[in-house]
ModelCIF file with pLDDT and N, C-alpha, C, O atoms, coordinates in Angstrom:
data_MODEL
#
_entry.id   MODEL 
#
_entity.id                         1 
_entity.type                       polymer 
_entity.pdbx_number_of_molecules   1 
#
_entity_poly.entity_id                      1 
_entity_poly.type                           'polypeptide(L)' 
_entity_poly.nstd_linkage                   no 
_entity_poly.nstd_monomer                   no 
_entity_poly.pdbx_seq_one_letter_code       TGLAEVGLLTDGETRAAARVRCRDAGVSLVEDGDTLVVRDPWGT 
_entity_poly.pdbx_seq_one_letter_code_can   TGLAEVGLLTDGETRAAARVRCRDAGVSLVEDGDTLVVRDPWGT 
_entity_poly.pdbx_strand_id                 A 
#
loop_
_entity_poly_seq.entity_id 
_entity_poly_seq.num 
_entity_poly_seq.mon_id 
_entity_poly_seq.hetero 
1 1  THR n 
1 2  GLY n 
1 3  LEU n 
1 4  ALA n 
1 5  GLU n 
1 6  VAL n 
1 7  GLY n 
1 8  LEU n 
1 9  LEU n 
1 10 THR n 
1 11 ASP n 
1 12 GLY n 
1 13 GLU n 
1 14 THR n 
1 15 ARG n 
1 16 ALA n 
1 17 ALA n 
1 18 ALA n 
1 19 ARG n 
1 20 VAL n 
1 21 ARG n 
1 22 CYS n 
1 23 ARG n 
1 24 ASP n 
1 25 ALA n 
1 26 GLY n 
1 27 VAL n 
1 28 SER n 
1 29 LEU n 
1 30 VAL n 
1 31 GLU n 
1 32 ASP n 
1 33 GLY n 
1 34 ASP n 
1 35 THR n 
1 36 LEU n 
1 37 VAL n 
1 38 VAL n 
1 39 ARG n 
1 40 ASP n 
1 41 PRO n 
1 42 TRP n 
1 43 GLY n 
1 44 THR n 
#
_struct_asym.id          A 
_struct_asym.entity_id   1 
#
loop_
_ma_qa_metric.id 
_ma_qa_metric.mode 
_ma_qa_metric.name 
_ma_qa_metric.software_group_id 
_ma_qa_metric.type 
1 global pLDDT . pLDDT 
2 local  pLDDT . pLDDT 
#
_ma_qa_metric_global.metric_id      1 
_ma_qa_metric_global.metric_value   96.50 
_ma_qa_metric_global.model_id       1 
_ma_qa_metric_global.ordinal_id     1 
#
loop_
_ma_qa_metric_local.label_asym_id 
_ma_qa_metric_local.label_comp_id 
_ma_qa_metric_local.label_seq_id 
_ma_qa_metric_local.metric_id 
_ma_qa_metric_local.metric_value 
_ma_qa_metric_local.model_id 
_ma_qa_metric_local.ordinal_id 
A THR 1  2 98.00 1 1  
A GLY 2  2 98.00 1 2  
A LEU 3  2 98.00 1 3  
A ALA 4  2 97.00 1 4  
A GLU 5  2 97.00 1 5  
A VAL 6  2 98.00 1 6  
A GLY 7  2 98.00 1 7  
A LEU 8  2 98.00 1 8  
A LEU 9  2 98.00 1 9  
A THR 10 2 97.00 1 10 
A ASP 11 2 95.00 1 11 
A GLY 12 2 95.00 1 12 
A GLU 13 2 96.00 1 13 
A THR 14 2 97.00 1 14 
A ARG 15 2 97.00 1 15 
A ALA 16 2 96.00 1 16 
A ALA 17 2 97.00 1 17 
A ALA 18 2 97.00 1 18 
A ARG 19 2 97.00 1 19 
A VAL 20 2 97.00 1 20 
A ARG 21 2 98.00 1 21 
A CYS 22 2 97.00 1 22 
A ARG 23 2 96.00 1 23 
A ASP 24 2 97.00 1 24 
A ALA 25 2 97.00 1 25 
A GLY 26 2 96.00 1 26 
A VAL 27 2 96.00 1 27 
A SER 28 2 94.00 1 28 
A LEU 29 2 95.00 1 29 
A VAL 30 2 96.00 1 30 
A GLU 31 2 95.00 1 31 
A ASP 32 2 92.00 1 32 
A GLY 33 2 93.00 1 33 
A ASP 34 2 93.00 1 34 
A THR 35 2 97.00 1 35 
A LEU 36 2 97.00 1 36 
A VAL 37 2 98.00 1 37 
A VAL 38 2 98.00 1 38 
A ARG 39 2 97.00 1 39 
A ASP 40 2 97.00 1 40 
A PRO 41 2 97.00 1 41 
A TRP 42 2 97.00 1 42 
A GLY 43 2 96.00 1 43 
A THR 44 2 96.00 1 44 
#
loop_
_atom_site.group_PDB 
_atom_site.id 
_atom_site.type_symbol 
_atom_site.label_atom_id 
_atom_site.label_alt_id 
_atom_site.label_comp_id 
_atom_site.label_asym_id 
_atom_site.label_entity_id 
_atom_site.label_seq_id 
_atom_site.pdbx_PDB_ins_code 
_atom_site.Cartn_x 
_atom_site.Cartn_y 
_atom_site.Cartn_z 
_atom_site.occupancy 
_atom_site.B_iso_or_equiv 
_atom_site.pdbx_formal_charge 
_atom_site.auth_seq_id 
_atom_site.auth_comp_id 
_atom_site.auth_asym_id 
_atom_site.auth_atom_id 
_atom_site.pdbx_PDB_model_num 
ATOM 1   N N  . THR A 1 1  ? -46.406 60.922 -29.741 1.00 98.00 ? 1  THR A N  1 
ATOM 2   C CA . THR A 1 1  ? -46.472 59.447 -29.731 1.00 98.00 ? 1  THR A CA 1 
ATOM 3   C C  . THR A 1 1  ? -47.883 58.985 -29.536 1.00 98.00 ? 1  THR A C  1 
ATOM 4   O O  . THR A 1 1  ? -48.771 59.775 -29.214 1.00 98.00 ? 1  THR A O  1 
ATOM 5   N N  . GLY A 1 2  ? -48.109 57.612 -29.745 1.00 98.00 ? 2  GLY A N  1 
ATOM 6   C CA . GLY A 1 2  ? -49.282 57.193 -29.427 1.00 98.00 ? 2  GLY A CA 1 
ATOM 7   C C  . GLY A 1 2  ? -50.152 56.948 -30.797 1.00 98.00 ? 2  GLY A C  1 
ATOM 8   O O  . GLY A 1 2  ? -49.656 56.815 -31.916 1.00 98.00 ? 2  GLY A O  1 
ATOM 9   N N  . LEU A 1 3  ? -51.501 56.917 -30.494 1.00 98.00 ? 3  LEU A N  1 
ATOM 10  C CA . LEU A 1 3  ? -52.307 56.564 -31.718 1.00 98.00 ? 3  LEU A CA 1 
ATOM 11  C C  . LEU A 1 3  ? -52.267 57.282 -33.025 1.00 98.00 ? 3  LEU A C  1 
ATOM 12  O O  . LEU A 1 3  ? -52.580 58.471 -32.956 1.00 98.00 ? 3  LEU A O  1 
ATOM 13  N N  . ALA A 1 4  ? -52.001 56.892 -34.016 1.00 97.00 ? 4  ALA A N  1 
ATOM 14  C CA . ALA A 1 4  ? -51.748 57.372 -35.365 1.00 97.00 ? 4  ALA A CA 1 
ATOM 15  C C  . ALA A 1 4  ? -53.075 57.055 -36.220 1.00 97.00 ? 4  ALA A C  1 
ATOM 16  O O  . ALA A 1 4  ? -53.720 57.956 -36.756 1.00 97.00 ? 4  ALA A O  1 
ATOM 17  N N  . GLU A 1 5  ? -53.427 55.682 -36.300 1.00 97.00 ? 5  GLU A N  1 
ATOM 18  C CA . GLU A 1 5  ? -54.324 55.246 -37.126 1.00 97.00 ? 5  GLU A CA 1 
ATOM 19  C C  . GLU A 1 5  ? -55.006 54.241 -36.739 1.00 97.00 ? 5  GLU A C  1 
ATOM 20  O O  . GLU A 1 5  ? -54.374 53.373 -36.136 1.00 97.00 ? 5  GLU A O  1 
ATOM 21  N N  . VAL A 1 6  ? -56.478 54.033 -36.951 1.00 98.00 ? 6  VAL A N  1 
ATOM 22  C CA . VAL A 1 6  ? -57.238 52.784 -36.764 1.00 98.00 ? 6  VAL A CA 1 
ATOM 23  C C  . VAL A 1 6  ? -57.608 52.147 -38.042 1.00 98.00 ? 6  VAL A C  1 
ATOM 24  O O  . VAL A 1 6  ? -58.409 52.808 -38.703 1.00 98.00 ? 6  VAL A O  1 
ATOM 25  N N  . GLY A 1 7  ? -57.230 51.038 -38.550 1.00 98.00 ? 7  GLY A N  1 
ATOM 26  C CA . GLY A 1 7  ? -57.897 50.463 -39.518 1.00 98.00 ? 7  GLY A CA 1 
ATOM 27  C C  . GLY A 1 7  ? -58.963 49.510 -39.317 1.00 98.00 ? 7  GLY A C  1 
ATOM 28  O O  . GLY A 1 7  ? -58.939 48.559 -38.535 1.00 98.00 ? 7  GLY A O  1 
ATOM 29  N N  . LEU A 1 8  ? -60.095 49.918 -40.249 1.00 98.00 ? 8  LEU A N  1 
ATOM 30  C CA . LEU A 1 8  ? -61.334 49.088 -39.962 1.00 98.00 ? 8  LEU A CA 1 
ATOM 31  C C  . LEU A 1 8  ? -61.696 48.417 -41.406 1.00 98.00 ? 8  LEU A C  1 
ATOM 32  O O  . LEU A 1 8  ? -61.663 49.098 -42.432 1.00 98.00 ? 8  LEU A O  1 
ATOM 33  N N  . LEU A 1 9  ? -62.006 47.180 -41.412 1.00 98.00 ? 9  LEU A N  1 
ATOM 34  C CA . LEU A 1 9  ? -62.661 46.430 -42.531 1.00 98.00 ? 9  LEU A CA 1 
ATOM 35  C C  . LEU A 1 9  ? -63.929 46.506 -42.607 1.00 98.00 ? 9  LEU A C  1 
ATOM 36  O O  . LEU A 1 9  ? -64.537 46.221 -41.575 1.00 98.00 ? 9  LEU A O  1 
ATOM 37  N N  . THR A 1 10 ? -64.521 46.802 -43.506 1.00 97.00 ? 10 THR A N  1 
ATOM 38  C CA . THR A 1 10 ? -66.103 47.219 -43.885 1.00 97.00 ? 10 THR A CA 1 
ATOM 39  C C  . THR A 1 10 ? -66.462 46.612 -45.062 1.00 97.00 ? 10 THR A C  1 
ATOM 40  O O  . THR A 1 10 ? -65.637 46.504 -45.970 1.00 97.00 ? 10 THR A O  1 
ATOM 41  N N  . ASP A 1 11 ? -67.738 46.146 -45.181 1.00 95.00 ? 11 ASP A N  1 
ATOM 42  C CA . ASP A 1 11 ? -68.327 45.803 -46.318 1.00 95.00 ? 11 ASP A CA 1 
ATOM 43  C C  . ASP A 1 11 ? -68.794 46.981 -47.165 1.00 95.00 ? 11 ASP A C  1 
ATOM 44  O O  . ASP A 1 11 ? -68.978 48.101 -46.689 1.00 95.00 ? 11 ASP A O  1 
ATOM 45  N N  . GLY A 1 12 ? -68.992 46.635 -48.574 1.00 95.00 ? 12 GLY A N  1 
ATOM 46  C CA . GLY A 1 12 ? -68.941 47.938 -49.479 1.00 95.00 ? 12 GLY A CA 1 
ATOM 47  C C  . GLY A 1 12 ? -70.286 48.687 -49.180 1.00 95.00 ? 12 GLY A C  1 
ATOM 48  O O  . GLY A 1 12 ? -70.298 49.915 -49.274 1.00 95.00 ? 12 GLY A O  1 
ATOM 49  N N  . GLU A 1 13 ? -71.373 48.031 -48.838 1.00 96.00 ? 13 GLU A N  1 
ATOM 50  C CA . GLU A 1 13 ? -72.704 48.875 -48.582 1.00 96.00 ? 13 GLU A CA 1 
ATOM 51  C C  . GLU A 1 13 ? -72.442 49.807 -47.335 1.00 96.00 ? 13 GLU A C  1 
ATOM 52  O O  . GLU A 1 13 ? -72.834 50.971 -47.260 1.00 96.00 ? 13 GLU A O  1 
ATOM 53  N N  . THR A 1 14 ? -71.688 49.100 -46.316 1.00 97.00 ? 14 THR A N  1 
ATOM 54  C CA . THR A 1 14 ? -71.458 49.925 -45.079 1.00 97.00 ? 14 THR A CA 1 
ATOM 55  C C  . THR A 1 14 ? -70.729 51.169 -45.232 1.00 97.00 ? 14 THR A C  1 
ATOM 56  O O  . THR A 1 14 ? -71.055 52.234 -44.709 1.00 97.00 ? 14 THR A O  1 
ATOM 57  N N  . ARG A 1 15 ? -69.613 50.952 -46.060 1.00 97.00 ? 15 ARG A N  1 
ATOM 58  C CA . ARG A 1 15 ? -68.695 52.005 -46.355 1.00 97.00 ? 15 ARG A CA 1 
ATOM 59  C C  . ARG A 1 15 ? -69.392 52.993 -47.293 1.00 97.00 ? 15 ARG A C  1 
ATOM 60  O O  . ARG A 1 15 ? -69.237 54.172 -46.973 1.00 97.00 ? 15 ARG A O  1 
ATOM 61  N N  . ALA A 1 16 ? -70.188 52.738 -48.474 1.00 96.00 ? 16 ALA A N  1 
ATOM 62  C CA . ALA A 1 16 ? -70.802 53.676 -49.099 1.00 96.00 ? 16 ALA A CA 1 
ATOM 63  C C  . ALA A 1 16 ? -71.838 54.396 -48.294 1.00 96.00 ? 16 ALA A C  1 
ATOM 64  O O  . ALA A 1 16 ? -72.005 55.599 -48.489 1.00 96.00 ? 16 ALA A O  1 
ATOM 65  N N  . ALA A 1 17 ? -72.588 53.711 -47.351 1.00 97.00 ? 17 ALA A N  1 
ATOM 66  C CA . ALA A 1 17 ? -73.467 54.509 -46.437 1.00 97.00 ? 17 ALA A CA 1 
ATOM 67  C C  . ALA A 1 17 ? -72.687 55.612 -45.674 1.00 97.00 ? 17 ALA A C  1 
ATOM 68  O O  . ALA A 1 17 ? -73.094 56.770 -45.582 1.00 97.00 ? 17 ALA A O  1 
ATOM 69  N N  . ALA A 1 18 ? -71.612 55.184 -45.173 1.00 97.00 ? 18 ALA A N  1 
ATOM 70  C CA . ALA A 1 18 ? -70.846 56.105 -44.250 1.00 97.00 ? 18 ALA A CA 1 
ATOM 71  C C  . ALA A 1 18 ? -70.416 57.249 -45.144 1.00 97.00 ? 18 ALA A C  1 
ATOM 72  O O  . ALA A 1 18 ? -70.665 58.407 -44.808 1.00 97.00 ? 18 ALA A O  1 
ATOM 73  N N  . ARG A 1 19 ? -69.746 56.954 -46.327 1.00 97.00 ? 19 ARG A N  1 
ATOM 74  C CA . ARG A 1 19 ? -69.427 58.080 -47.354 1.00 97.00 ? 19 ARG A CA 1 
ATOM 75  C C  . ARG A 1 19 ? -70.551 58.976 -47.571 1.00 97.00 ? 19 ARG A C  1 
ATOM 76  O O  . ARG A 1 19 ? -70.299 60.179 -47.500 1.00 97.00 ? 19 ARG A O  1 
ATOM 77  N N  . VAL A 1 20 ? -71.709 58.628 -47.816 1.00 97.00 ? 20 VAL A N  1 
ATOM 78  C CA . VAL A 1 20 ? -72.820 59.511 -48.063 1.00 97.00 ? 20 VAL A CA 1 
ATOM 79  C C  . VAL A 1 20 ? -73.301 60.532 -46.850 1.00 97.00 ? 20 VAL A C  1 
ATOM 80  O O  . VAL A 1 20 ? -73.626 61.712 -46.977 1.00 97.00 ? 20 VAL A O  1 
ATOM 81  N N  . ARG A 1 21 ? -73.252 59.707 -45.583 1.00 98.00 ? 21 ARG A N  1 
ATOM 82  C CA . ARG A 1 21 ? -73.634 60.669 -44.451 1.00 98.00 ? 21 ARG A CA 1 
ATOM 83  C C  . ARG A 1 21 ? -72.391 61.577 -44.010 1.00 98.00 ? 21 ARG A C  1 
ATOM 84  O O  . ARG A 1 21 ? -72.555 62.625 -43.386 1.00 98.00 ? 21 ARG A O  1 
ATOM 85  N N  . CYS A 1 22 ? -71.179 61.105 -44.371 1.00 97.00 ? 22 CYS A N  1 
ATOM 86  C CA . CYS A 1 22 ? -69.969 62.038 -43.933 1.00 97.00 ? 22 CYS A CA 1 
ATOM 87  C C  . CYS A 1 22 ? -69.984 63.346 -44.877 1.00 97.00 ? 22 CYS A C  1 
ATOM 88  O O  . CYS A 1 22 ? -69.609 64.456 -44.499 1.00 97.00 ? 22 CYS A O  1 
ATOM 89  N N  . ARG A 1 23 ? -70.491 63.033 -46.204 1.00 96.00 ? 23 ARG A N  1 
ATOM 90  C CA . ARG A 1 23 ? -70.463 64.124 -47.023 1.00 96.00 ? 23 ARG A CA 1 
ATOM 91  C C  . ARG A 1 23 ? -71.527 64.984 -46.781 1.00 96.00 ? 23 ARG A C  1 
ATOM 92  O O  . ARG A 1 23 ? -71.363 66.204 -46.810 1.00 96.00 ? 23 ARG A O  1 
ATOM 93  N N  . ASP A 1 24 ? -72.638 64.452 -46.539 1.00 97.00 ? 24 ASP A N  1 
ATOM 94  C CA . ASP A 1 24 ? -73.914 65.434 -46.006 1.00 97.00 ? 24 ASP A CA 1 
ATOM 95  C C  . ASP A 1 24 ? -73.626 66.048 -44.965 1.00 97.00 ? 24 ASP A C  1 
ATOM 96  O O  . ASP A 1 24 ? -74.097 67.184 -44.934 1.00 97.00 ? 24 ASP A O  1 
ATOM 97  N N  . ALA A 1 25 ? -72.962 65.711 -43.985 1.00 97.00 ? 25 ALA A N  1 
ATOM 98  C CA . ALA A 1 25 ? -72.588 66.457 -42.603 1.00 97.00 ? 25 ALA A CA 1 
ATOM 99  C C  . ALA A 1 25 ? -71.419 67.270 -42.892 1.00 97.00 ? 25 ALA A C  1 
ATOM 100 O O  . ALA A 1 25 ? -71.076 68.048 -42.002 1.00 97.00 ? 25 ALA A O  1 
ATOM 101 N N  . GLY A 1 26 ? -70.771 67.239 -43.919 1.00 96.00 ? 26 GLY A N  1 
ATOM 102 C CA . GLY A 1 26 ? -69.642 68.236 -44.101 1.00 96.00 ? 26 GLY A CA 1 
ATOM 103 C C  . GLY A 1 26 ? -68.217 67.733 -43.484 1.00 96.00 ? 26 GLY A C  1 
ATOM 104 O O  . GLY A 1 26 ? -67.262 68.504 -43.389 1.00 96.00 ? 26 GLY A O  1 
ATOM 105 N N  . VAL A 1 27 ? -68.173 66.636 -43.153 1.00 96.00 ? 27 VAL A N  1 
ATOM 106 C CA . VAL A 1 27 ? -67.163 65.841 -42.752 1.00 96.00 ? 27 VAL A CA 1 
ATOM 107 C C  . VAL A 1 27 ? -66.052 65.541 -43.782 1.00 96.00 ? 27 VAL A C  1 
ATOM 108 O O  . VAL A 1 27 ? -66.290 64.756 -44.701 1.00 96.00 ? 27 VAL A O  1 
ATOM 109 N N  . SER A 1 28 ? -64.846 66.137 -43.662 1.00 94.00 ? 28 SER A N  1 
ATOM 110 C CA . SER A 1 28 ? -63.761 65.885 -44.714 1.00 94.00 ? 28 SER A CA 1 
ATOM 111 C C  . SER A 1 28 ? -63.608 64.295 -44.730 1.00 94.00 ? 28 SER A C  1 
ATOM 112 O O  . SER A 1 28 ? -63.618 63.602 -43.713 1.00 94.00 ? 28 SER A O  1 
ATOM 113 N N  . LEU A 1 29 ? -63.473 63.843 -45.972 1.00 95.00 ? 29 LEU A N  1 
ATOM 114 C CA . LEU A 1 29 ? -62.907 62.588 -46.190 1.00 95.00 ? 29 LEU A CA 1 
ATOM 115 C C  . LEU A 1 29 ? -62.018 62.345 -47.394 1.00 95.00 ? 29 LEU A C  1 
ATOM 116 O O  . LEU A 1 29 ? -62.173 63.128 -48.332 1.00 95.00 ? 29 LEU A O  1 
ATOM 117 N N  . VAL A 1 30 ? -61.176 61.455 -47.511 1.00 96.00 ? 30 VAL A N  1 
ATOM 118 C CA . VAL A 1 30 ? -60.368 61.210 -48.601 1.00 96.00 ? 30 VAL A CA 1 
ATOM 119 C C  . VAL A 1 30 ? -60.780 59.757 -49.039 1.00 96.00 ? 30 VAL A C  1 
ATOM 120 O O  . VAL A 1 30 ? -61.055 58.875 -48.225 1.00 96.00 ? 30 VAL A O  1 
ATOM 121 N N  . GLU A 1 31 ? -60.797 59.574 -50.567 1.00 95.00 ? 31 GLU A N  1 
ATOM 122 C CA . GLU A 1 31 ? -60.934 58.290 -51.008 1.00 95.00 ? 31 GLU A CA 1 
ATOM 123 C C  . GLU A 1 31 ? -59.730 57.969 -51.589 1.00 95.00 ? 31 GLU A C  1 
ATOM 124 O O  . GLU A 1 31 ? -59.186 58.684 -52.430 1.00 95.00 ? 31 GLU A O  1 
ATOM 125 N N  . ASP A 1 32 ? -59.171 56.651 -51.076 1.00 92.00 ? 32 ASP A N  1 
ATOM 126 C CA . ASP A 1 32 ? -57.987 56.213 -51.662 1.00 92.00 ? 32 ASP A CA 1 
ATOM 127 C C  . ASP A 1 32 ? -58.429 54.848 -52.284 1.00 92.00 ? 32 ASP A C  1 
ATOM 128 O O  . ASP A 1 32 ? -58.472 53.810 -51.623 1.00 92.00 ? 32 ASP A O  1 
ATOM 129 N N  . GLY A 1 33 ? -58.751 54.933 -53.594 1.00 93.00 ? 33 GLY A N  1 
ATOM 130 C CA . GLY A 1 33 ? -59.347 53.791 -54.286 1.00 93.00 ? 33 GLY A CA 1 
ATOM 131 C C  . GLY A 1 33 ? -60.534 53.128 -53.780 1.00 93.00 ? 33 GLY A C  1 
ATOM 132 O O  . GLY A 1 33 ? -61.548 53.733 -54.126 1.00 93.00 ? 33 GLY A O  1 
ATOM 133 N N  . ASP A 1 34 ? -60.777 52.025 -53.035 1.00 93.00 ? 34 ASP A N  1 
ATOM 134 C CA . ASP A 1 34 ? -61.939 51.576 -52.504 1.00 93.00 ? 34 ASP A CA 1 
ATOM 135 C C  . ASP A 1 34 ? -61.945 51.918 -51.066 1.00 93.00 ? 34 ASP A C  1 
ATOM 136 O O  . ASP A 1 34 ? -63.003 51.740 -50.464 1.00 93.00 ? 34 ASP A O  1 
ATOM 137 N N  . THR A 1 35 ? -60.842 52.419 -50.372 1.00 97.00 ? 35 THR A N  1 
ATOM 138 C CA . THR A 1 35 ? -60.536 52.930 -49.018 1.00 97.00 ? 35 THR A CA 1 
ATOM 139 C C  . THR A 1 35 ? -61.049 54.388 -48.872 1.00 97.00 ? 35 THR A C  1 
ATOM 140 O O  . THR A 1 35 ? -60.823 55.314 -49.652 1.00 97.00 ? 35 THR A O  1 
ATOM 141 N N  . LEU A 1 36 ? -61.831 54.423 -47.651 1.00 97.00 ? 36 LEU A N  1 
ATOM 142 C CA . LEU A 1 36 ? -62.208 55.705 -47.249 1.00 97.00 ? 36 LEU A CA 1 
ATOM 143 C C  . LEU A 1 36 ? -61.454 56.081 -46.082 1.00 97.00 ? 36 LEU A C  1 
ATOM 144 O O  . LEU A 1 36 ? -61.331 55.277 -45.158 1.00 97.00 ? 36 LEU A O  1 
ATOM 145 N N  . VAL A 1 37 ? -60.899 57.316 -46.034 1.00 98.00 ? 37 VAL A N  1 
ATOM 146 C CA . VAL A 1 37 ? -60.073 57.896 -44.900 1.00 98.00 ? 37 VAL A CA 1 
ATOM 147 C C  . VAL A 1 37 ? -60.830 59.083 -44.237 1.00 98.00 ? 37 VAL A C  1 
ATOM 148 O O  . VAL A 1 37 ? -61.108 60.070 -44.918 1.00 98.00 ? 37 VAL A O  1 
ATOM 149 N N  . VAL A 1 38 ? -61.173 59.005 -42.904 1.00 98.00 ? 38 VAL A N  1 
ATOM 150 C CA . VAL A 1 38 ? -62.008 59.919 -42.304 1.00 98.00 ? 38 VAL A CA 1 
ATOM 151 C C  . VAL A 1 38 ? -61.303 60.245 -40.903 1.00 98.00 ? 38 VAL A C  1 
ATOM 152 O O  . VAL A 1 38 ? -60.601 59.373 -40.390 1.00 98.00 ? 38 VAL A O  1 
ATOM 153 N N  . ARG A 1 39 ? -61.464 61.392 -40.322 1.00 97.00 ? 39 ARG A N  1 
ATOM 154 C CA . ARG A 1 39 ? -61.098 61.600 -38.900 1.00 97.00 ? 39 ARG A CA 1 
ATOM 155 C C  . ARG A 1 39 ? -62.211 61.893 -38.116 1.00 97.00 ? 39 ARG A C  1 
ATOM 156 O O  . ARG A 1 39 ? -63.197 62.444 -38.606 1.00 97.00 ? 39 ARG A O  1 
ATOM 157 N N  . ASP A 1 40 ? -62.140 61.565 -36.899 1.00 97.00 ? 40 ASP A N  1 
ATOM 158 C CA . ASP A 1 40 ? -63.100 61.631 -35.820 1.00 97.00 ? 40 ASP A CA 1 
ATOM 159 C C  . ASP A 1 40 ? -62.946 63.024 -35.218 1.00 97.00 ? 40 ASP A C  1 
ATOM 160 O O  . ASP A 1 40 ? -62.100 63.797 -35.667 1.00 97.00 ? 40 ASP A O  1 
ATOM 161 N N  . PRO A 1 41 ? -63.714 63.339 -34.253 1.00 97.00 ? 41 PRO A N  1 
ATOM 162 C CA . PRO A 1 41 ? -63.875 64.850 -33.887 1.00 97.00 ? 41 PRO A CA 1 
ATOM 163 C C  . PRO A 1 41 ? -62.596 65.224 -33.134 1.00 97.00 ? 41 PRO A C  1 
ATOM 164 O O  . PRO A 1 41 ? -62.442 66.411 -32.845 1.00 97.00 ? 41 PRO A O  1 
ATOM 165 N N  . TRP A 1 42 ? -61.496 64.171 -32.725 1.00 97.00 ? 42 TRP A N  1 
ATOM 166 C CA . TRP A 1 42 ? -60.306 64.447 -31.971 1.00 97.00 ? 42 TRP A CA 1 
ATOM 167 C C  . TRP A 1 42 ? -59.204 64.271 -32.830 1.00 97.00 ? 42 TRP A C  1 
ATOM 168 O O  . TRP A 1 42 ? -58.058 64.301 -32.381 1.00 97.00 ? 42 TRP A O  1 
ATOM 169 N N  . GLY A 1 43 ? -59.433 64.099 -33.976 1.00 96.00 ? 43 GLY A N  1 
ATOM 170 C CA . GLY A 1 43 ? -58.385 64.030 -35.010 1.00 96.00 ? 43 GLY A CA 1 
ATOM 171 C C  . GLY A 1 43 ? -57.739 62.528 -35.109 1.00 96.00 ? 43 GLY A C  1 
ATOM 172 O O  . GLY A 1 43 ? -56.644 62.418 -35.660 1.00 96.00 ? 43 GLY A O  1 
ATOM 173 N N  . THR A 1 44 ? -58.304 61.536 -34.661 1.00 96.00 ? 44 THR A N  1 
ATOM 174 C CA . THR A 1 44 ? -58.047 60.038 -34.923 1.00 96.00 ? 44 THR A CA 1 
ATOM 175 C C  . THR A 1 44 ? -58.320 59.736 -36.279 1.00 96.00 ? 44 THR A C  1 
ATOM 176 O O  . THR A 1 44 ? -58.176 58.587 -36.697 1.00 96.00 ? 44 THR A O  1 
#
């Protein structure tokens, strides 16, 4: 039980920059249309 997901509203530039940094760092991410889904180091 407890936290499953946090939704964050972002602008396009911020989201694009996060996408690049996560990929460069080898962090797994999923792109769902214009939405970026990523997990933090504890699985959130």
